[in-house]
Amino acid sequence: MEIQNVTIEDAEELLDIYAPYVKYTAITFEYDVPSVEEFRQRIVNISNRYPYIKAVDNGQIVGYAYAGCFKDRRAYDWSVETTIYVRQDCKRMGIGRLLYDRLEHELKSMGILNMNACIACPEQESKYLNDDSIRFHSRLGFSEVGRFHDSGYKFNQWFDMVWMEKMIGEHNAEPKEVWG
């Protein structure tokens, strides 16, 4: 398995991974699957500043991860929001850990200090959502720092959002500028 940078040519294959999450889960609160062109634009926008990577196994993309803007204010430059998706038939094979390990390494090299993840959370497990993502992030060293109750509505039910964070660098009085 190789970890590589995503290109706009990967949009269709990434969208094939993402679409089932939109259609059949509350993992994303997006209601409609984006078009390939919209997904290409998302890749361009994210890749202009942050890492956007993919896991490739035998020539096929099996997962992807990226970092994005946490908040659009200069004081937040050292923090990012992370996102990860793995092909549904490839879960629990170590792909997510490989992607996040590489993502964390790249973010550290940029001067990023905080990785944040906003994760949909069920009050009770259902066919649309379980707590796998929360457990995954916990195993990678993320800690829960906040919960927003009934903040997302999909499939005729309400879901909570949990914020998790991982500090990946030293916080001091004069942090290095972030580059990207």
N, C-alpha and C. Protein backbone atom coordinates (compact mmCIF):
# COMPACT_ATOMS: atom_id res chain seq x y z
N MET A 1 0.84 -1.18 0.00
CA MET A 1 0.00 0.00 0.00
C MET A 1 0.89 1.24 0.00
N GLU A 2 0.49 2.22 -0.79
CA GLU A 2 1.23 3.47 -0.88
C GLU A 2 0.33 4.63 -0.45
N ILE A 3 0.95 5.62 0.17
CA ILE A 3 0.25 6.87 0.48
C ILE A 3 0.80 7.91 -0.49
N GLN A 4 -0.11 8.54 -1.23
CA GLN A 4 0.27 9.51 -2.25
C GLN A 4 -0.57 10.77 -2.11
N ASN A 5 -0.13 11.83 -2.77
CA ASN A 5 -0.93 13.06 -2.82
C ASN A 5 -2.09 12.86 -3.79
N VAL A 6 -3.23 13.40 -3.43
CA VAL A 6 -4.41 13.37 -4.29
C VAL A 6 -4.23 14.39 -5.41
N THR A 7 -4.73 14.07 -6.60
CA THR A 7 -4.77 15.01 -7.72
C THR A 7 -6.24 15.15 -8.16
N ILE A 8 -6.51 16.16 -8.95
CA ILE A 8 -7.90 16.34 -9.41
C ILE A 8 -8.36 15.16 -10.28
N GLU A 9 -7.41 14.44 -10.86
CA GLU A 9 -7.77 13.25 -11.65
C GLU A 9 -8.35 12.14 -10.77
N ASP A 10 -8.15 12.23 -9.47
CA ASP A 10 -8.67 11.23 -8.54
C ASP A 10 -10.12 11.49 -8.13
N ALA A 11 -10.70 12.58 -8.56
CA ALA A 11 -12.01 13.00 -8.06
C ALA A 11 -13.07 11.92 -8.19
N GLU A 12 -13.17 11.27 -9.33
CA GLU A 12 -14.22 10.27 -9.51
C GLU A 12 -14.05 9.10 -8.56
N GLU A 13 -12.81 8.65 -8.40
CA GLU A 13 -12.56 7.50 -7.53
C GLU A 13 -12.79 7.87 -6.05
N LEU A 14 -12.40 9.08 -5.67
CA LEU A 14 -12.67 9.54 -4.31
C LEU A 14 -14.17 9.68 -4.07
N LEU A 15 -14.86 10.20 -5.06
CA LEU A 15 -16.31 10.35 -4.95
C LEU A 15 -17.01 9.00 -4.82
N ASP A 16 -16.47 7.97 -5.47
CA ASP A 16 -17.02 6.62 -5.32
C ASP A 16 -16.89 6.13 -3.87
N ILE A 17 -15.83 6.55 -3.19
CA ILE A 17 -15.66 6.20 -1.78
C ILE A 17 -16.63 7.01 -0.92
N TYR A 18 -16.76 8.29 -1.22
CA TYR A 18 -17.55 9.21 -0.40
C TYR A 18 -19.06 9.02 -0.57
N ALA A 19 -19.52 8.76 -1.78
CA ALA A 19 -20.96 8.72 -2.08
C ALA A 19 -21.76 7.80 -1.15
N PRO A 20 -21.32 6.58 -0.85
CA PRO A 20 -22.12 5.75 0.06
C PRO A 20 -22.27 6.35 1.46
N TYR A 21 -21.26 7.10 1.91
CA TYR A 21 -21.37 7.77 3.20
C TYR A 21 -22.47 8.83 3.17
N VAL A 22 -22.59 9.53 2.05
CA VAL A 22 -23.64 10.54 1.90
C VAL A 22 -25.01 9.87 1.82
N LYS A 23 -25.12 8.86 1.00
CA LYS A 23 -26.42 8.24 0.73
C LYS A 23 -26.97 7.40 1.88
N TYR A 24 -26.08 6.71 2.60
CA TYR A 24 -26.55 5.68 3.53
C TYR A 24 -26.13 5.86 4.99
N THR A 25 -25.39 6.93 5.30
CA THR A 25 -24.94 7.11 6.67
C THR A 25 -25.14 8.56 7.12
N ALA A 26 -25.02 8.75 8.42
CA ALA A 26 -25.01 10.10 9.00
C ALA A 26 -23.58 10.50 9.38
N ILE A 27 -22.60 9.80 8.84
CA ILE A 27 -21.20 10.15 9.10
C ILE A 27 -20.91 11.52 8.52
N THR A 28 -21.46 11.80 7.35
CA THR A 28 -21.44 13.15 6.80
C THR A 28 -22.87 13.67 6.84
N PHE A 29 -23.02 14.96 7.09
CA PHE A 29 -24.35 15.54 7.10
C PHE A 29 -24.72 16.11 5.74
N GLU A 30 -23.91 15.85 4.75
CA GLU A 30 -24.26 16.25 3.40
C GLU A 30 -25.44 15.38 2.94
N TYR A 31 -26.44 15.99 2.36
CA TYR A 31 -27.63 15.26 1.92
C TYR A 31 -27.48 14.70 0.51
N ASP A 32 -26.81 15.45 -0.35
CA ASP A 32 -26.71 15.08 -1.76
C ASP A 32 -25.26 14.83 -2.13
N VAL A 33 -25.03 13.81 -2.93
CA VAL A 33 -23.69 13.51 -3.41
C VAL A 33 -23.25 14.65 -4.33
N PRO A 34 -22.09 15.23 -4.07
CA PRO A 34 -21.63 16.31 -4.94
C PRO A 34 -21.30 15.80 -6.34
N SER A 35 -21.32 16.70 -7.30
CA SER A 35 -20.92 16.33 -8.66
C SER A 35 -19.41 16.11 -8.70
N VAL A 36 -18.96 15.46 -9.74
CA VAL A 36 -17.52 15.24 -9.91
C VAL A 36 -16.81 16.59 -10.02
N GLU A 37 -17.40 17.52 -10.73
CA GLU A 37 -16.78 18.84 -10.88
C GLU A 37 -16.67 19.55 -9.54
N GLU A 38 -17.71 19.49 -8.74
CA GLU A 38 -17.66 20.11 -7.41
C GLU A 38 -16.58 19.44 -6.56
N PHE A 39 -16.48 18.13 -6.66
CA PHE A 39 -15.46 17.41 -5.89
C PHE A 39 -14.06 17.79 -6.35
N ARG A 40 -13.88 17.95 -7.65
CA ARG A 40 -12.58 18.41 -8.17
C ARG A 40 -12.22 19.76 -7.57
N GLN A 41 -13.20 20.66 -7.52
CA GLN A 41 -12.95 21.99 -6.97
C GLN A 41 -12.59 21.92 -5.49
N ARG A 42 -13.23 21.02 -4.77
CA ARG A 42 -12.88 20.83 -3.36
C ARG A 42 -11.42 20.38 -3.22
N ILE A 43 -11.00 19.47 -4.08
CA ILE A 43 -9.61 19.00 -4.06
C ILE A 43 -8.66 20.16 -4.30
N VAL A 44 -8.96 20.97 -5.30
CA VAL A 44 -8.11 22.13 -5.62
C VAL A 44 -8.04 23.08 -4.43
N ASN A 45 -9.19 23.43 -3.89
CA ASN A 45 -9.24 24.39 -2.78
C ASN A 45 -8.46 23.90 -1.57
N ILE A 46 -8.64 22.65 -1.21
CA ILE A 46 -7.95 22.11 -0.03
C ILE A 46 -6.47 21.96 -0.30
N SER A 47 -6.12 21.41 -1.45
CA SER A 47 -4.71 21.14 -1.78
C SER A 47 -3.87 22.40 -1.93
N ASN A 48 -4.52 23.53 -2.16
CA ASN A 48 -3.77 24.78 -2.26
C ASN A 48 -3.06 25.13 -0.96
N ARG A 49 -3.56 24.62 0.16
CA ARG A 49 -2.96 25.00 1.44
C ARG A 49 -2.60 23.82 2.33
N TYR A 50 -3.34 22.74 2.23
CA TYR A 50 -3.19 21.63 3.17
C TYR A 50 -2.93 20.30 2.45
N PRO A 51 -2.43 19.31 3.19
CA PRO A 51 -2.24 17.98 2.60
C PRO A 51 -3.59 17.32 2.30
N TYR A 52 -3.64 16.68 1.16
CA TYR A 52 -4.81 15.88 0.75
C TYR A 52 -4.20 14.61 0.18
N ILE A 53 -4.35 13.50 0.90
CA ILE A 53 -3.62 12.28 0.54
C ILE A 53 -4.57 11.11 0.34
N LYS A 54 -4.05 10.09 -0.33
CA LYS A 54 -4.83 8.89 -0.63
C LYS A 54 -4.00 7.65 -0.32
N ALA A 55 -4.69 6.57 -0.01
CA ALA A 55 -4.06 5.26 0.15
C ALA A 55 -4.38 4.46 -1.11
N VAL A 56 -3.35 3.93 -1.74
CA VAL A 56 -3.51 3.19 -2.98
C VAL A 56 -3.02 1.76 -2.78
N ASP A 57 -3.88 0.81 -3.10
CA ASP A 57 -3.55 -0.60 -2.96
C ASP A 57 -3.82 -1.28 -4.30
N ASN A 58 -2.78 -1.84 -4.88
CA ASN A 58 -2.89 -2.50 -6.20
C ASN A 58 -3.55 -1.61 -7.24
N GLY A 59 -3.17 -0.33 -7.25
CA GLY A 59 -3.66 0.60 -8.25
C GLY A 59 -5.02 1.20 -7.96
N GLN A 60 -5.64 0.82 -6.85
CA GLN A 60 -6.98 1.32 -6.51
C GLN A 60 -6.90 2.18 -5.25
N ILE A 61 -7.60 3.32 -5.28
CA ILE A 61 -7.68 4.17 -4.09
C ILE A 61 -8.64 3.51 -3.10
N VAL A 62 -8.15 3.28 -1.88
CA VAL A 62 -8.96 2.61 -0.87
C VAL A 62 -9.33 3.53 0.30
N GLY A 63 -8.78 4.75 0.29
CA GLY A 63 -9.11 5.71 1.33
C GLY A 63 -8.43 7.03 1.07
N TYR A 64 -8.90 8.06 1.76
CA TYR A 64 -8.27 9.37 1.62
C TYR A 64 -8.46 10.17 2.89
N ALA A 65 -7.57 11.13 3.08
CA ALA A 65 -7.64 12.00 4.25
C ALA A 65 -7.10 13.37 3.86
N TYR A 66 -7.58 14.37 4.57
CA TYR A 66 -7.06 15.72 4.32
C TYR A 66 -7.26 16.58 5.55
N ALA A 67 -6.57 17.69 5.53
CA ALA A 67 -6.75 18.71 6.57
C ALA A 67 -7.36 19.93 5.90
N GLY A 68 -8.12 20.66 6.67
CA GLY A 68 -8.72 21.88 6.16
C GLY A 68 -8.67 22.96 7.23
N CYS A 69 -9.10 24.12 6.82
CA CYS A 69 -9.13 25.27 7.71
C CYS A 69 -10.02 24.98 8.92
N PHE A 70 -9.50 25.23 10.11
CA PHE A 70 -10.29 25.06 11.32
C PHE A 70 -11.24 26.25 11.49
N LYS A 71 -10.71 27.43 11.49
CA LYS A 71 -11.48 28.68 11.50
C LYS A 71 -10.73 29.68 10.63
N ASP A 72 -11.45 30.52 9.96
CA ASP A 72 -10.85 31.44 9.01
C ASP A 72 -10.43 32.75 9.67
N ARG A 73 -9.54 32.64 10.63
CA ARG A 73 -8.92 33.79 11.28
C ARG A 73 -7.45 33.45 11.49
N ARG A 74 -6.60 34.42 11.32
CA ARG A 74 -5.16 34.19 11.41
C ARG A 74 -4.73 33.52 12.71
N ALA A 75 -5.38 33.85 13.82
CA ALA A 75 -5.01 33.28 15.12
C ALA A 75 -5.18 31.76 15.16
N TYR A 76 -5.98 31.21 14.23
CA TYR A 76 -6.21 29.77 14.18
C TYR A 76 -5.27 29.04 13.21
N ASP A 77 -4.30 29.73 12.63
CA ASP A 77 -3.43 29.12 11.61
C ASP A 77 -2.79 27.82 12.06
N TRP A 78 -2.55 27.63 13.34
CA TRP A 78 -1.84 26.46 13.84
C TRP A 78 -2.77 25.28 14.12
N SER A 79 -4.03 25.44 13.79
CA SER A 79 -5.03 24.38 14.00
C SER A 79 -5.68 24.02 12.67
N VAL A 80 -5.99 22.74 12.51
CA VAL A 80 -6.70 22.28 11.31
C VAL A 80 -7.85 21.37 11.73
N GLU A 81 -8.79 21.20 10.81
CA GLU A 81 -9.82 20.18 10.95
C GLU A 81 -9.46 19.04 10.00
N THR A 82 -9.51 17.82 10.50
CA THR A 82 -9.13 16.67 9.68
C THR A 82 -10.36 15.89 9.23
N THR A 83 -10.20 15.22 8.10
CA THR A 83 -11.27 14.41 7.52
C THR A 83 -10.65 13.14 6.96
N ILE A 84 -11.35 12.03 7.11
CA ILE A 84 -10.88 10.76 6.57
C ILE A 84 -12.06 9.91 6.12
N TYR A 85 -11.89 9.24 5.00
CA TYR A 85 -12.87 8.28 4.50
C TYR A 85 -12.13 7.08 3.94
N VAL A 86 -12.61 5.90 4.28
CA VAL A 86 -12.04 4.64 3.79
C VAL A 86 -13.15 3.89 3.08
N ARG A 87 -12.79 3.25 1.97
CA ARG A 87 -13.80 2.44 1.28
C ARG A 87 -14.49 1.52 2.27
N GLN A 88 -15.79 1.44 2.17
CA GLN A 88 -16.54 0.70 3.18
C GLN A 88 -16.17 -0.78 3.24
N ASP A 89 -15.73 -1.34 2.15
CA ASP A 89 -15.33 -2.75 2.18
C ASP A 89 -13.85 -2.93 2.54
N CYS A 90 -13.20 -1.86 2.95
CA CYS A 90 -11.78 -1.91 3.33
C CYS A 90 -11.54 -1.44 4.76
N LYS A 91 -12.57 -1.34 5.54
CA LYS A 91 -12.42 -0.88 6.92
C LYS A 91 -11.72 -1.94 7.76
N ARG A 92 -11.08 -1.47 8.84
CA ARG A 92 -10.39 -2.31 9.81
C ARG A 92 -9.23 -3.10 9.19
N MET A 93 -8.57 -2.45 8.24
CA MET A 93 -7.40 -3.06 7.61
C MET A 93 -6.14 -2.22 7.85
N GLY A 94 -6.24 -1.19 8.69
CA GLY A 94 -5.09 -0.35 8.99
C GLY A 94 -4.92 0.83 8.05
N ILE A 95 -5.82 1.00 7.10
CA ILE A 95 -5.71 2.07 6.11
C ILE A 95 -5.86 3.43 6.79
N GLY A 96 -6.84 3.57 7.67
CA GLY A 96 -7.05 4.84 8.36
C GLY A 96 -5.84 5.27 9.16
N ARG A 97 -5.22 4.33 9.87
CA ARG A 97 -4.02 4.65 10.65
C ARG A 97 -2.88 5.10 9.73
N LEU A 98 -2.68 4.39 8.63
CA LEU A 98 -1.63 4.80 7.68
C LEU A 98 -1.87 6.22 7.18
N LEU A 99 -3.11 6.51 6.81
CA LEU A 99 -3.43 7.84 6.30
C LEU A 99 -3.21 8.91 7.36
N TYR A 100 -3.71 8.68 8.57
CA TYR A 100 -3.59 9.68 9.62
C TYR A 100 -2.14 9.85 10.08
N ASP A 101 -1.38 8.76 10.12
CA ASP A 101 0.04 8.88 10.47
C ASP A 101 0.76 9.79 9.48
N ARG A 102 0.50 9.60 8.20
CA ARG A 102 1.14 10.45 7.17
C ARG A 102 0.62 11.87 7.26
N LEU A 103 -0.68 12.02 7.43
CA LEU A 103 -1.27 13.35 7.53
C LEU A 103 -0.66 14.10 8.71
N GLU A 104 -0.55 13.45 9.85
CA GLU A 104 0.04 14.09 11.02
C GLU A 104 1.48 14.50 10.76
N HIS A 105 2.25 13.63 10.13
CA HIS A 105 3.64 13.95 9.79
C HIS A 105 3.73 15.19 8.90
N GLU A 106 2.90 15.24 7.88
CA GLU A 106 2.92 16.39 6.96
C GLU A 106 2.48 17.67 7.66
N LEU A 107 1.47 17.56 8.51
CA LEU A 107 1.00 18.74 9.23
C LEU A 107 2.07 19.26 10.19
N LYS A 108 2.74 18.36 10.90
CA LYS A 108 3.84 18.77 11.79
C LYS A 108 4.92 19.52 11.01
N SER A 109 5.25 18.99 9.84
CA SER A 109 6.31 19.63 9.04
C SER A 109 5.90 21.02 8.56
N MET A 110 4.60 21.29 8.50
CA MET A 110 4.10 22.62 8.12
C MET A 110 4.10 23.59 9.30
N GLY A 111 4.20 23.05 10.52
CA GLY A 111 4.12 23.89 11.71
C GLY A 111 2.75 23.86 12.38
N ILE A 112 1.87 22.97 11.93
CA ILE A 112 0.55 22.82 12.56
C ILE A 112 0.75 22.21 13.95
N LEU A 113 -0.02 22.69 14.91
CA LEU A 113 0.11 22.22 16.30
C LEU A 113 -1.10 21.43 16.79
N ASN A 114 -2.28 21.68 16.21
CA ASN A 114 -3.50 21.03 16.68
C ASN A 114 -4.26 20.40 15.52
N MET A 115 -4.59 19.12 15.68
CA MET A 115 -5.49 18.44 14.75
C MET A 115 -6.84 18.32 15.44
N ASN A 116 -7.91 18.74 14.77
CA ASN A 116 -9.26 18.70 15.31
C ASN A 116 -10.14 17.87 14.39
N ALA A 117 -11.03 17.11 14.99
CA ALA A 117 -11.97 16.31 14.20
C ALA A 117 -13.37 16.54 14.72
N CYS A 118 -14.28 16.86 13.82
CA CYS A 118 -15.69 17.04 14.14
C CYS A 118 -16.41 15.78 13.68
N ILE A 119 -16.96 15.02 14.62
CA ILE A 119 -17.45 13.68 14.34
C ILE A 119 -18.92 13.55 14.72
N ALA A 120 -19.72 13.07 13.78
CA ALA A 120 -21.13 12.80 14.08
C ALA A 120 -21.20 11.67 15.11
N CYS A 121 -22.12 11.82 16.04
CA CYS A 121 -22.19 10.90 17.17
C CYS A 121 -23.64 10.52 17.44
N PRO A 122 -23.93 9.23 17.51
CA PRO A 122 -25.31 8.82 17.79
C PRO A 122 -25.59 8.80 19.29
N GLU A 123 -26.82 9.10 19.66
CA GLU A 123 -27.21 8.87 21.05
C GLU A 123 -27.27 7.38 21.31
N GLN A 124 -27.69 6.64 20.28
CA GLN A 124 -27.61 5.18 20.31
C GLN A 124 -27.32 4.72 18.88
N GLU A 125 -26.57 3.64 18.78
CA GLU A 125 -26.18 3.16 17.46
C GLU A 125 -27.40 2.83 16.62
N SER A 126 -27.27 3.08 15.32
CA SER A 126 -28.35 2.79 14.39
C SER A 126 -27.72 2.32 13.08
N LYS A 127 -28.56 2.04 12.11
CA LYS A 127 -28.02 1.62 10.81
C LYS A 127 -27.32 2.78 10.11
N TYR A 128 -27.53 4.01 10.59
CA TYR A 128 -26.93 5.17 9.95
C TYR A 128 -25.63 5.64 10.60
N LEU A 129 -25.43 5.28 11.87
CA LEU A 129 -24.27 5.82 12.57
C LEU A 129 -23.95 5.00 13.82
N ASN A 130 -22.65 4.75 14.02
CA ASN A 130 -22.18 4.14 15.26
C ASN A 130 -21.03 4.98 15.79
N ASP A 131 -20.35 4.50 16.79
CA ASP A 131 -19.26 5.30 17.36
C ASP A 131 -17.87 4.83 16.90
N ASP A 132 -17.78 4.14 15.78
CA ASP A 132 -16.49 3.67 15.25
C ASP A 132 -15.50 4.81 15.05
N SER A 133 -15.96 5.92 14.52
CA SER A 133 -15.05 7.04 14.25
C SER A 133 -14.49 7.63 15.54
N ILE A 134 -15.31 7.70 16.55
CA ILE A 134 -14.84 8.21 17.85
C ILE A 134 -13.79 7.26 18.42
N ARG A 135 -14.05 5.97 18.38
CA ARG A 135 -13.08 4.98 18.87
C ARG A 135 -11.79 5.03 18.06
N PHE A 136 -11.89 5.17 16.74
CA PHE A 136 -10.72 5.27 15.87
C PHE A 136 -9.85 6.46 16.28
N HIS A 137 -10.46 7.61 16.40
CA HIS A 137 -9.70 8.81 16.78
C HIS A 137 -9.10 8.68 18.17
N SER A 138 -9.82 8.07 19.08
CA SER A 138 -9.28 7.86 20.44
C SER A 138 -8.03 6.99 20.40
N ARG A 139 -8.06 5.93 19.60
CA ARG A 139 -6.89 5.06 19.48
C ARG A 139 -5.69 5.80 18.91
N LEU A 140 -5.94 6.84 18.14
CA LEU A 140 -4.83 7.61 17.54
C LEU A 140 -4.39 8.77 18.42
N GLY A 141 -4.93 8.87 19.62
CA GLY A 141 -4.47 9.89 20.55
C GLY A 141 -5.33 11.14 20.61
N PHE A 142 -6.48 11.14 19.97
CA PHE A 142 -7.39 12.28 20.05
C PHE A 142 -8.20 12.17 21.35
N SER A 143 -8.56 13.30 21.91
CA SER A 143 -9.39 13.36 23.11
C SER A 143 -10.65 14.17 22.81
N GLU A 144 -11.75 13.74 23.41
CA GLU A 144 -13.00 14.48 23.24
C GLU A 144 -12.92 15.77 24.04
N VAL A 145 -13.27 16.88 23.39
CA VAL A 145 -13.21 18.19 24.06
C VAL A 145 -14.55 18.91 24.07
N GLY A 146 -15.53 18.37 23.35
CA GLY A 146 -16.83 19.03 23.35
C GLY A 146 -17.88 18.24 22.62
N ARG A 147 -19.13 18.50 22.96
CA ARG A 147 -20.25 17.83 22.30
C ARG A 147 -21.35 18.86 22.06
N PHE A 148 -21.86 18.84 20.85
CA PHE A 148 -23.00 19.67 20.48
C PHE A 148 -24.19 18.73 20.31
N HIS A 149 -25.22 18.94 21.09
CA HIS A 149 -26.36 18.03 21.10
C HIS A 149 -27.35 18.36 19.99
N ASP A 150 -27.87 17.30 19.38
CA ASP A 150 -28.91 17.43 18.35
C ASP A 150 -28.57 18.51 17.33
N SER A 151 -27.37 18.49 16.82
CA SER A 151 -26.92 19.57 15.93
C SER A 151 -26.97 19.20 14.45
N GLY A 152 -27.21 17.94 14.13
CA GLY A 152 -27.32 17.53 12.74
C GLY A 152 -28.55 16.66 12.54
N TYR A 153 -29.30 16.93 11.48
CA TYR A 153 -30.54 16.21 11.22
C TYR A 153 -30.45 15.52 9.86
N LYS A 154 -30.55 14.22 9.88
CA LYS A 154 -30.49 13.44 8.64
C LYS A 154 -31.24 12.13 8.87
N PHE A 155 -31.91 11.64 7.86
CA PHE A 155 -32.69 10.39 7.95
C PHE A 155 -33.75 10.47 9.05
N ASN A 156 -34.37 11.64 9.16
CA ASN A 156 -35.47 11.86 10.11
C ASN A 156 -35.07 11.65 11.57
N GLN A 157 -33.82 11.94 11.87
CA GLN A 157 -33.41 11.89 13.27
C GLN A 157 -32.27 12.86 13.54
N TRP A 158 -32.11 13.19 14.81
CA TRP A 158 -31.09 14.13 15.24
C TRP A 158 -29.85 13.39 15.71
N PHE A 159 -28.69 14.01 15.42
CA PHE A 159 -27.41 13.44 15.83
C PHE A 159 -26.58 14.52 16.52
N ASP A 160 -25.79 14.09 17.47
CA ASP A 160 -24.85 14.98 18.14
C ASP A 160 -23.58 15.11 17.30
N MET A 161 -22.81 16.13 17.60
CA MET A 161 -21.47 16.30 17.02
C MET A 161 -20.47 16.32 18.17
N VAL A 162 -19.42 15.56 18.04
CA VAL A 162 -18.36 15.52 19.03
C VAL A 162 -17.11 16.13 18.41
N TRP A 163 -16.47 17.02 19.16
CA TRP A 163 -15.19 17.56 18.74
C TRP A 163 -14.09 16.83 19.48
N MET A 164 -13.08 16.38 18.73
CA MET A 164 -11.92 15.73 19.32
C MET A 164 -10.68 16.47 18.85
N GLU A 165 -9.64 16.46 19.69
CA GLU A 165 -8.40 17.15 19.33
C GLU A 165 -7.20 16.29 19.66
N LYS A 166 -6.13 16.58 18.93
CA LYS A 166 -4.84 15.97 19.21
C LYS A 166 -3.79 17.06 19.05
N MET A 167 -3.03 17.28 20.10
CA MET A 167 -1.93 18.25 20.05
C MET A 167 -0.73 17.55 19.44
N ILE A 168 -0.17 18.11 18.37
CA ILE A 168 0.94 17.44 17.68
C ILE A 168 2.23 18.26 17.70
N GLY A 169 2.20 19.38 18.37
CA GLY A 169 3.40 20.21 18.44
C GLY A 169 3.43 20.99 19.73
N GLU A 170 4.57 21.60 19.97
CA GLU A 170 4.76 22.38 21.20
C GLU A 170 4.16 23.77 21.04
N HIS A 171 3.38 24.15 22.03
CA HIS A 171 2.77 25.48 22.05
C HIS A 171 3.66 26.39 22.88
N ASN A 172 4.18 27.43 22.25
CA ASN A 172 5.02 28.37 22.99
C ASN A 172 4.62 29.80 22.63
N ALA A 173 5.31 30.76 23.23
CA ALA A 173 4.94 32.17 23.07
C ALA A 173 5.23 32.71 21.67
N GLU A 174 6.11 32.08 20.94
CA GLU A 174 6.45 32.54 19.59
C GLU A 174 6.47 31.36 18.62
N PRO A 175 5.28 30.87 18.22
CA PRO A 175 5.26 29.73 17.30
C PRO A 175 5.77 30.13 15.91
N LYS A 176 6.37 29.14 15.24
CA LYS A 176 6.83 29.37 13.87
C LYS A 176 5.62 29.61 12.97
N GLU A 177 5.82 30.39 11.94
CA GLU A 177 4.74 30.60 10.97
C GLU A 177 4.42 29.28 10.27
N VAL A 178 3.16 29.08 10.00
CA VAL A 178 2.72 27.90 9.26
C VAL A 178 2.93 28.14 7.79
N TRP A 179 3.43 27.15 7.11
CA TRP A 179 3.59 27.26 5.65
C TRP A 179 2.79 26.15 5.01
N GLY A 180 2.39 26.37 3.80
CA GLY A 180 1.60 25.33 3.12
C GLY A 180 1.64 25.48 1.65
